[in-house]
Amino acid sequence: MLFSNPTWNPNGTTIANGALIGSNPVDIFINQNNTIYIPNKSNGRILTFLQGNLSLIKYISDNLTNSSSLFVTTQDDIYVDYVKEFLRPYGFDLFQGSILR
C-alpha cells in the first residue's frame, strides 16, 4: 500500500535497467497495490511489476511506440494515450486494445 507519510530509503532496489525499460522511459504508474506499470516506448509495450517481485510479471505489446503516458483504474483497466487525442484501453489480462476517440 502507498503510505501517507513515505520516507526515502537510501538503499533502494533497482527493478529494471535500460535494456528492459528502454533508453527514454516517459512515464510510470504505481497503483494502490504498488503494482508498477512502465510504458516502453522504444519497444512498443507496457511492462508490469508486482510489489515484492523483482521479476517482470507481464508485458502488453501492441505497437505502442507512439504512447507517452498511461493510467490504471482500480479495476486494473489500463488506458494508454496513443498519439494525440486517442486512448487505447487494455484490461490487465488483455494483450490488445482498441482506439477510443
C-alpha atoms as a PDB file:
ATOM      1  CA  MET A   1       0.000   0.000   0.000  1.00  0.00           C
ATOM      2  CA  LEU A   2       1.065   3.567  -0.530  1.00  0.00           C
ATOM      3  CA  PHE A   3       1.658   5.361   2.744  1.00  0.00           C
ATOM      4  CA  SER A   4       0.500   8.878   3.603  1.00  0.00           C
ATOM      5  CA  ASN A   5       3.919   9.726   5.086  1.00  0.00           C
ATOM      6  CA  PRO A   6       6.516   7.924   2.955  1.00  0.00           C
ATOM      7  CA  THR A   7      10.201   8.121   3.795  1.00  0.00           C
ATOM      8  CA  TRP A   8      13.171   7.926   1.467  1.00  0.00           C
ATOM      9  CA  ASN A   9      15.169   4.710   1.548  1.00  0.00           C
ATOM     10  CA  PRO A  10      18.780   5.445   0.512  1.00  0.00           C
ATOM     11  CA  ASN A  11      19.255   1.726  -0.239  1.00  0.00           C
ATOM     12  CA  GLY A  12      16.666   1.433  -2.995  1.00  0.00           C
ATOM     13  CA  THR A  13      16.251  -1.642  -5.167  1.00  0.00           C
ATOM     14  CA  THR A  14      16.647  -1.491  -8.928  1.00  0.00           C
ATOM     15  CA  ILE A  15      13.836  -3.415 -10.613  1.00  0.00           C
ATOM     16  CA  ALA A  16      14.633  -2.701 -14.263  1.00  0.00           C
ATOM     17  CA  ASN A  17      17.530  -1.406 -16.304  1.00  0.00           C
ATOM     18  CA  GLY A  18      17.651   0.454 -19.605  1.00  0.00           C
ATOM     19  CA  ALA A  19      17.735  -2.782 -21.580  1.00  0.00           C
ATOM     20  CA  LEU A  20      14.317  -3.701 -20.175  1.00  0.00           C
ATOM     21  CA  ILE A  21      12.516  -0.358 -19.976  1.00  0.00           C
ATOM     22  CA  GLY A  22      14.227   1.338 -22.906  1.00  0.00           C
ATOM     23  CA  SER A  23      16.525   4.308 -23.053  1.00  0.00           C
ATOM     24  CA  ASN A  24      13.857   7.013 -22.720  1.00  0.00           C
ATOM     25  CA  PRO A  25      11.077   5.959 -20.345  1.00  0.00           C
ATOM     26  CA  VAL A  26       8.405   8.658 -20.419  1.00  0.00           C
ATOM     27  CA  ASP A  27       6.022   7.620 -17.648  1.00  0.00           C
ATOM     28  CA  ILE A  28       5.484   5.338 -14.675  1.00  0.00           C
ATOM     29  CA  PHE A  29       2.253   4.460 -12.893  1.00  0.00           C
ATOM     30  CA  ILE A  30       2.000   2.827  -9.465  1.00  0.00           C
ATOM     31  CA  ASN A  31      -1.464   1.649  -8.444  1.00  0.00           C
ATOM     32  CA  GLN A  32      -2.969   1.260  -4.966  1.00  0.00           C
ATOM     33  CA  ASN A  33      -1.456  -2.244  -4.683  1.00  0.00           C
ATOM     34  CA  ASN A  34       2.018  -0.922  -5.565  1.00  0.00           C
ATOM     35  CA  THR A  35       1.970  -2.636  -8.957  1.00  0.00           C
ATOM     36  CA  ILE A  36       4.329  -0.719 -11.247  1.00  0.00           C
ATOM     37  CA  TYR A  37       3.450  -0.060 -14.896  1.00  0.00           C
ATOM     38  CA  ILE A  38       6.093   1.365 -17.239  1.00  0.00           C
ATOM     39  CA  PRO A  39       5.471   2.098 -20.917  1.00  0.00           C
ATOM     40  CA  ASN A  40       8.481   1.060 -23.001  1.00  0.00           C
ATOM     41  CA  LYS A  41       8.092   3.418 -25.925  1.00  0.00           C
ATOM     42  CA  SER A  42      11.111   2.136 -27.843  1.00  0.00           C
ATOM     43  CA  ASN A  43       9.738  -1.436 -27.896  1.00  0.00           C
ATOM     44  CA  GLY A  44       6.046  -0.520 -28.002  1.00  0.00           C
ATOM     45  CA  ARG A  45       4.950  -2.339 -24.860  1.00  0.00           C
ATOM     46  CA  ILE A  46       3.896  -1.867 -21.232  1.00  0.00           C
ATOM     47  CA  LEU A  47       5.936  -3.583 -18.515  1.00  0.00           C
ATOM     48  CA  THR A  48       4.310  -4.649 -15.234  1.00  0.00           C
ATOM     49  CA  PHE A  49       5.933  -5.468 -11.883  1.00  0.00           C
ATOM     50  CA  LEU A  50       4.217  -6.590  -8.659  1.00  0.00           C
ATOM     51  CA  GLN A  51       5.274  -5.327  -5.228  1.00  0.00           C
ATOM     52  CA  GLY A  52       7.898  -7.601  -3.714  1.00  0.00           C
ATOM     53  CA  ASN A  53       8.600  -9.335  -7.031  1.00  0.00           C
ATOM     54  CA  LEU A  54      11.661  -8.076  -8.880  1.00  0.00           C
ATOM     55  CA  SER A  55      10.820 -10.099 -11.977  1.00  0.00           C
ATOM     56  CA  LEU A  56       8.764  -8.738 -14.832  1.00  0.00           C
ATOM     57  CA  ILE A  57       5.353 -10.390 -14.495  1.00  0.00           C
ATOM     58  CA  LYS A  58       3.947  -9.492 -17.887  1.00  0.00           C
ATOM     59  CA  TYR A  59       4.064  -7.075 -20.728  1.00  0.00           C
ATOM     60  CA  ILE A  60       1.424  -5.811 -23.114  1.00  0.00           C
ATOM     61  CA  SER A  61       2.702  -5.466 -26.639  1.00  0.00           C
ATOM     62  CA  ASP A  62       0.525  -3.727 -29.204  1.00  0.00           C
ATOM     63  CA  ASN A  63       2.630  -1.298 -31.255  1.00  0.00           C
ATOM     64  CA  LEU A  64       2.616   1.340 -28.516  1.00  0.00           C
ATOM     65  CA  THR A  65       5.642   3.200 -29.875  1.00  0.00           C
ATOM     66  CA  ASN A  66       3.702   6.482 -30.002  1.00  0.00           C
ATOM     67  CA  SER A  67       2.444   6.288 -26.428  1.00  0.00           C
ATOM     68  CA  SER A  68       3.670   8.757 -23.849  1.00  0.00           C
ATOM     69  CA  SER A  69       1.560   8.153 -20.740  1.00  0.00           C
ATOM     70  CA  LEU A  70      -0.771   5.683 -19.090  1.00  0.00           C
ATOM     71  CA  PHE A  71      -3.355   5.442 -16.322  1.00  0.00           C
ATOM     72  CA  VAL A  72      -4.620   2.342 -14.497  1.00  0.00           C
ATOM     73  CA  THR A  73      -8.061   2.233 -12.865  1.00  0.00           C
ATOM     74  CA  THR A  74      -8.887   0.497  -9.592  1.00  0.00           C
ATOM     75  CA  GLN A  75     -10.280  -2.383 -11.707  1.00  0.00           C
ATOM     76  CA  ASP A  76      -6.866  -2.757 -13.417  1.00  0.00           C
ATOM     77  CA  ASP A  77      -8.084  -1.327 -16.719  1.00  0.00           C
ATOM     78  CA  ILE A  78      -5.108   0.287 -18.426  1.00  0.00           C
ATOM     79  CA  TYR A  79      -5.552   3.394 -20.568  1.00  0.00           C
ATOM     80  CA  VAL A  80      -2.643   4.351 -22.802  1.00  0.00           C
ATOM     81  CA  ASP A  81      -2.505   7.536 -24.800  1.00  0.00           C
ATOM     82  CA  TYR A  82      -1.793   6.765 -28.416  1.00  0.00           C
ATOM     83  CA  VAL A  83      -0.685   9.798 -30.391  1.00  0.00           C
ATOM     84  CA  LYS A  84      -2.682  12.928 -29.582  1.00  0.00           C
ATOM     85  CA  GLU A  85      -6.354  12.660 -28.646  1.00  0.00           C
ATOM     86  CA  PHE A  86      -6.545   8.869 -28.731  1.00  0.00           C
ATOM     87  CA  LEU A  87      -6.692   6.338 -25.902  1.00  0.00           C
ATOM     88  CA  ARG A  88      -6.226   2.604 -26.041  1.00  0.00           C
ATOM     89  CA  PRO A  89      -7.896   0.705 -23.182  1.00  0.00           C
ATOM     90  CA  TYR A  90      -6.491  -2.634 -22.013  1.00  0.00           C
ATOM     91  CA  GLY A  91      -7.660  -4.996 -19.317  1.00  0.00           C
ATOM     92  CA  PHE A  92      -4.904  -6.399 -17.136  1.00  0.00           C
ATOM     93  CA  ASP A  93      -5.305  -9.795 -18.814  1.00  0.00           C
ATOM     94  CA  LEU A  94      -5.608  -8.425 -22.358  1.00  0.00           C
ATOM     95  CA  PHE A  95      -2.811  -8.021 -24.843  1.00  0.00           C
ATOM     96  CA  GLN A  96      -4.545  -5.844 -27.407  1.00  0.00           C
ATOM     97  CA  GLY A  97      -6.629  -2.706 -27.106  1.00  0.00           C
ATOM     98  CA  SER A  98      -8.884  -0.658 -29.321  1.00  0.00           C
ATOM     99  CA  ILE A  99      -8.650   3.040 -30.061  1.00  0.00           C
ATOM    100  CA  LEU A 100     -11.058   5.402 -28.300  1.00  0.00           C
ATOM    101  CA  ARG A 101     -11.540   8.869 -29.742  1.00  0.00           C
END
